Amino acid sequence: MKQLLQRVQQWLGKLSFRTGVIVLICCIPCYILSFAQMALPISTTAKSVLWFVLFGMAKSCQYGGLTILGVEGVKRLKSKFKRE
């Protein structure tokens, strides 16, 4: 299992900086939808399931994007925000 996780992490690390930023940005709509669905007039069970799925997708995008970017990519992203 540990070897599988290392292989996935290496594969994600080979992807470009731009791909990492796009995946990281994809977590924003998932977070918004995970909390906005609470206003829908549906049952509590359906709301719970929707929240679980959407919040899980948001976290997956977040951690996937950070894995793709890596330490150097995060530093590069921070420096771009500090300049502007």
N, C-alpha and C. Protein backbone atom coordinates (compact mmCIF):
# COMPACT_ATOMS: atom_id res chain seq x y z
N MET A 1 0.84 -1.19 0.00
CA MET A 1 0.00 0.00 0.00
C MET A 1 0.88 1.25 0.00
N LYS A 2 1.94 1.21 0.77
CA LYS A 2 2.83 2.36 0.86
C LYS A 2 3.50 2.64 -0.48
N GLN A 3 3.86 1.57 -1.20
CA GLN A 3 4.49 1.73 -2.51
C GLN A 3 3.52 2.33 -3.51
N LEU A 4 2.26 1.94 -3.43
CA LEU A 4 1.24 2.48 -4.33
C LEU A 4 1.08 3.98 -4.11
N LEU A 5 1.02 4.40 -2.85
CA LEU A 5 0.90 5.83 -2.55
C LEU A 5 2.11 6.60 -3.05
N GLN A 6 3.29 6.02 -2.92
CA GLN A 6 4.50 6.69 -3.39
C GLN A 6 4.49 6.83 -4.91
N ARG A 7 4.01 5.78 -5.61
CA ARG A 7 3.93 5.85 -7.07
C ARG A 7 2.93 6.90 -7.53
N VAL A 8 1.79 6.98 -6.85
CA VAL A 8 0.79 7.99 -7.20
C VAL A 8 1.35 9.38 -6.95
N GLN A 9 2.04 9.56 -5.84
CA GLN A 9 2.62 10.85 -5.52
C GLN A 9 3.68 11.25 -6.54
N GLN A 10 4.49 10.30 -6.97
CA GLN A 10 5.50 10.60 -7.99
C GLN A 10 4.85 10.97 -9.32
N TRP A 11 3.77 10.25 -9.68
CA TRP A 11 3.08 10.54 -10.92
C TRP A 11 2.47 11.94 -10.89
N LEU A 12 1.84 12.29 -9.75
CA LEU A 12 1.25 13.62 -9.62
C LEU A 12 2.33 14.70 -9.62
N GLY A 13 3.49 14.40 -9.05
CA GLY A 13 4.59 15.36 -9.02
C GLY A 13 5.16 15.66 -10.39
N LYS A 14 4.95 14.78 -11.36
CA LYS A 14 5.45 15.00 -12.72
C LYS A 14 4.57 15.95 -13.53
N LEU A 15 3.37 16.20 -13.05
CA LEU A 15 2.46 17.10 -13.77
C LEU A 15 2.93 18.54 -13.65
N SER A 16 2.48 19.39 -14.55
CA SER A 16 2.98 20.76 -14.62
C SER A 16 2.42 21.65 -13.51
N PHE A 17 3.07 22.79 -13.35
CA PHE A 17 2.65 23.80 -12.38
C PHE A 17 1.24 24.28 -12.71
N ARG A 18 0.99 24.50 -13.99
CA ARG A 18 -0.32 24.99 -14.43
C ARG A 18 -1.43 23.99 -14.08
N THR A 19 -1.17 22.71 -14.26
CA THR A 19 -2.14 21.69 -13.92
C THR A 19 -2.43 21.71 -12.42
N GLY A 20 -1.40 21.88 -11.61
CA GLY A 20 -1.58 21.96 -10.17
C GLY A 20 -2.44 23.13 -9.76
N VAL A 21 -2.23 24.27 -10.39
CA VAL A 21 -3.03 25.46 -10.07
C VAL A 21 -4.48 25.26 -10.49
N ILE A 22 -4.70 24.64 -11.64
CA ILE A 22 -6.07 24.39 -12.11
C ILE A 22 -6.80 23.44 -11.16
N VAL A 23 -6.13 22.38 -10.73
CA VAL A 23 -6.74 21.43 -9.80
C VAL A 23 -7.02 22.11 -8.47
N LEU A 24 -6.09 22.95 -8.03
CA LEU A 24 -6.27 23.67 -6.78
C LEU A 24 -7.45 24.64 -6.86
N ILE A 25 -7.63 25.29 -7.99
CA ILE A 25 -8.74 26.22 -8.17
C ILE A 25 -10.08 25.47 -8.22
N CYS A 26 -10.06 24.23 -8.70
CA CYS A 26 -11.29 23.43 -8.77
C CYS A 26 -11.89 23.16 -7.39
N CYS A 27 -11.11 23.28 -6.34
CA CYS A 27 -11.66 23.02 -5.01
C CYS A 27 -12.58 24.15 -4.55
N ILE A 28 -12.42 25.35 -5.10
CA ILE A 28 -13.24 26.49 -4.67
C ILE A 28 -14.72 26.28 -4.97
N PRO A 29 -15.10 25.91 -6.22
CA PRO A 29 -16.54 25.66 -6.46
C PRO A 29 -17.09 24.51 -5.62
N CYS A 30 -16.27 23.51 -5.37
CA CYS A 30 -16.73 22.37 -4.56
C CYS A 30 -17.02 22.81 -3.13
N TYR A 31 -16.17 23.66 -2.57
CA TYR A 31 -16.42 24.19 -1.22
C TYR A 31 -17.70 25.03 -1.21
N ILE A 32 -17.86 25.88 -2.21
CA ILE A 32 -19.05 26.73 -2.27
C ILE A 32 -20.31 25.89 -2.38
N LEU A 33 -20.29 24.90 -3.27
CA LEU A 33 -21.46 24.04 -3.45
C LEU A 33 -21.75 23.20 -2.21
N SER A 34 -20.70 22.78 -1.51
CA SER A 34 -20.92 21.92 -0.34
C SER A 34 -21.69 22.65 0.76
N PHE A 35 -21.52 23.96 0.84
CA PHE A 35 -22.25 24.71 1.86
C PHE A 35 -23.51 25.37 1.30
N ALA A 36 -23.51 25.70 0.00
CA ALA A 36 -24.69 26.33 -0.60
C ALA A 36 -25.87 25.37 -0.70
N GLN A 37 -25.61 24.09 -0.80
CA GLN A 37 -26.69 23.12 -0.92
C GLN A 37 -27.52 23.03 0.35
N MET A 38 -27.03 23.57 1.45
CA MET A 38 -27.80 23.57 2.69
C MET A 38 -29.09 24.39 2.56
N ALA A 39 -29.11 25.33 1.59
CA ALA A 39 -30.30 26.17 1.40
C ALA A 39 -31.37 25.48 0.55
N LEU A 40 -31.06 24.34 -0.02
CA LEU A 40 -32.05 23.64 -0.86
C LEU A 40 -33.15 23.03 -0.01
N PRO A 41 -34.36 23.02 -0.53
CA PRO A 41 -35.49 22.43 0.21
C PRO A 41 -35.58 20.92 0.02
N ILE A 42 -34.58 20.20 0.50
CA ILE A 42 -34.55 18.74 0.40
C ILE A 42 -34.38 18.16 1.79
N SER A 43 -34.47 16.85 1.89
CA SER A 43 -34.40 16.22 3.21
C SER A 43 -33.00 16.36 3.83
N THR A 44 -32.95 16.19 5.11
CA THR A 44 -31.70 16.30 5.85
C THR A 44 -30.72 15.21 5.41
N THR A 45 -31.24 14.05 5.13
CA THR A 45 -30.39 12.94 4.68
C THR A 45 -29.73 13.28 3.34
N ALA A 46 -30.50 13.81 2.42
CA ALA A 46 -29.96 14.18 1.11
C ALA A 46 -28.92 15.30 1.26
N LYS A 47 -29.20 16.26 2.13
CA LYS A 47 -28.24 17.33 2.38
C LYS A 47 -26.94 16.78 2.94
N SER A 48 -27.04 15.82 3.85
CA SER A 48 -25.85 15.22 4.44
C SER A 48 -25.02 14.48 3.40
N VAL A 49 -25.70 13.74 2.55
CA VAL A 49 -24.99 13.00 1.50
C VAL A 49 -24.33 13.97 0.53
N LEU A 50 -25.05 15.00 0.10
CA LEU A 50 -24.48 16.00 -0.80
C LEU A 50 -23.28 16.69 -0.17
N TRP A 51 -23.40 17.06 1.10
CA TRP A 51 -22.30 17.73 1.77
C TRP A 51 -21.08 16.81 1.83
N PHE A 52 -21.30 15.56 2.18
CA PHE A 52 -20.21 14.59 2.28
C PHE A 52 -19.48 14.44 0.94
N VAL A 53 -20.24 14.30 -0.13
CA VAL A 53 -19.65 14.10 -1.46
C VAL A 53 -18.92 15.35 -1.93
N LEU A 54 -19.58 16.51 -1.83
CA LEU A 54 -18.98 17.75 -2.33
C LEU A 54 -17.78 18.19 -1.50
N PHE A 55 -17.87 18.03 -0.18
CA PHE A 55 -16.74 18.40 0.67
C PHE A 55 -15.57 17.45 0.43
N GLY A 56 -15.88 16.18 0.21
CA GLY A 56 -14.82 15.21 -0.12
C GLY A 56 -14.14 15.54 -1.43
N MET A 57 -14.93 15.96 -2.42
CA MET A 57 -14.34 16.37 -3.70
C MET A 57 -13.45 17.60 -3.53
N ALA A 58 -13.89 18.53 -2.69
CA ALA A 58 -13.11 19.74 -2.46
C ALA A 58 -11.77 19.40 -1.81
N LYS A 59 -11.81 18.54 -0.82
CA LYS A 59 -10.57 18.15 -0.15
C LYS A 59 -9.66 17.37 -1.09
N SER A 60 -10.24 16.51 -1.93
CA SER A 60 -9.44 15.75 -2.89
C SER A 60 -8.75 16.69 -3.88
N CYS A 61 -9.47 17.68 -4.37
CA CYS A 61 -8.87 18.66 -5.28
C CYS A 61 -7.78 19.46 -4.57
N GLN A 62 -8.05 19.84 -3.34
CA GLN A 62 -7.08 20.62 -2.59
C GLN A 62 -5.77 19.85 -2.38
N TYR A 63 -5.88 18.64 -1.87
CA TYR A 63 -4.67 17.87 -1.60
C TYR A 63 -4.01 17.39 -2.89
N GLY A 64 -4.79 17.09 -3.91
CA GLY A 64 -4.22 16.72 -5.20
C GLY A 64 -3.44 17.87 -5.82
N GLY A 65 -4.02 19.06 -5.77
CA GLY A 65 -3.34 20.25 -6.30
C GLY A 65 -2.06 20.56 -5.55
N LEU A 66 -2.10 20.43 -4.24
CA LEU A 66 -0.89 20.69 -3.46
C LEU A 66 0.18 19.64 -3.74
N THR A 67 -0.22 18.40 -3.96
CA THR A 67 0.73 17.35 -4.28
C THR A 67 1.36 17.60 -5.65
N ILE A 68 0.55 18.03 -6.61
CA ILE A 68 1.07 18.33 -7.94
C ILE A 68 2.05 19.51 -7.87
N LEU A 69 1.70 20.54 -7.13
CA LEU A 69 2.56 21.72 -7.03
C LEU A 69 3.87 21.41 -6.30
N GLY A 70 3.76 20.70 -5.21
CA GLY A 70 4.95 20.42 -4.41
C GLY A 70 5.41 21.64 -3.64
N VAL A 71 6.50 21.52 -2.94
CA VAL A 71 7.00 22.60 -2.10
C VAL A 71 7.43 23.80 -2.94
N GLU A 72 8.14 23.53 -4.03
CA GLU A 72 8.62 24.63 -4.87
C GLU A 72 7.47 25.36 -5.56
N GLY A 73 6.47 24.62 -5.96
CA GLY A 73 5.31 25.24 -6.60
C GLY A 73 4.53 26.12 -5.66
N VAL A 74 4.39 25.69 -4.40
CA VAL A 74 3.70 26.49 -3.40
C VAL A 74 4.48 27.78 -3.14
N LYS A 75 5.79 27.68 -3.07
CA LYS A 75 6.62 28.88 -2.89
C LYS A 75 6.45 29.83 -4.08
N ARG A 76 6.41 29.27 -5.27
CA ARG A 76 6.24 30.08 -6.48
C ARG A 76 4.87 30.76 -6.49
N LEU A 77 3.85 30.05 -6.08
CA LEU A 77 2.50 30.60 -6.02
C LEU A 77 2.41 31.71 -4.98
N LYS A 78 3.02 31.51 -3.82
CA LYS A 78 3.02 32.55 -2.78
C LYS A 78 3.73 33.80 -3.25
N SER A 79 4.86 33.63 -3.96
CA SER A 79 5.60 34.80 -4.42
C SER A 79 4.78 35.59 -5.44
N LYS A 80 3.97 34.92 -6.26
CA LYS A 80 3.12 35.63 -7.23
C LYS A 80 2.06 36.46 -6.52
N PHE A 81 1.50 35.93 -5.42
CA PHE A 81 0.50 36.68 -4.68
C PHE A 81 1.12 37.84 -3.90
N LYS A 82 2.33 37.70 -3.43
CA LYS A 82 2.98 38.77 -2.69
C LYS A 82 3.34 39.94 -3.58
N ARG A 83 3.69 39.66 -4.83
CA ARG A 83 4.04 40.74 -5.77
C ARG A 83 2.85 41.58 -6.15
N GLU A 84 1.68 40.96 -6.26
CA GLU A 84 0.50 41.70 -6.73
C GLU A 84 -0.18 42.37 -5.64
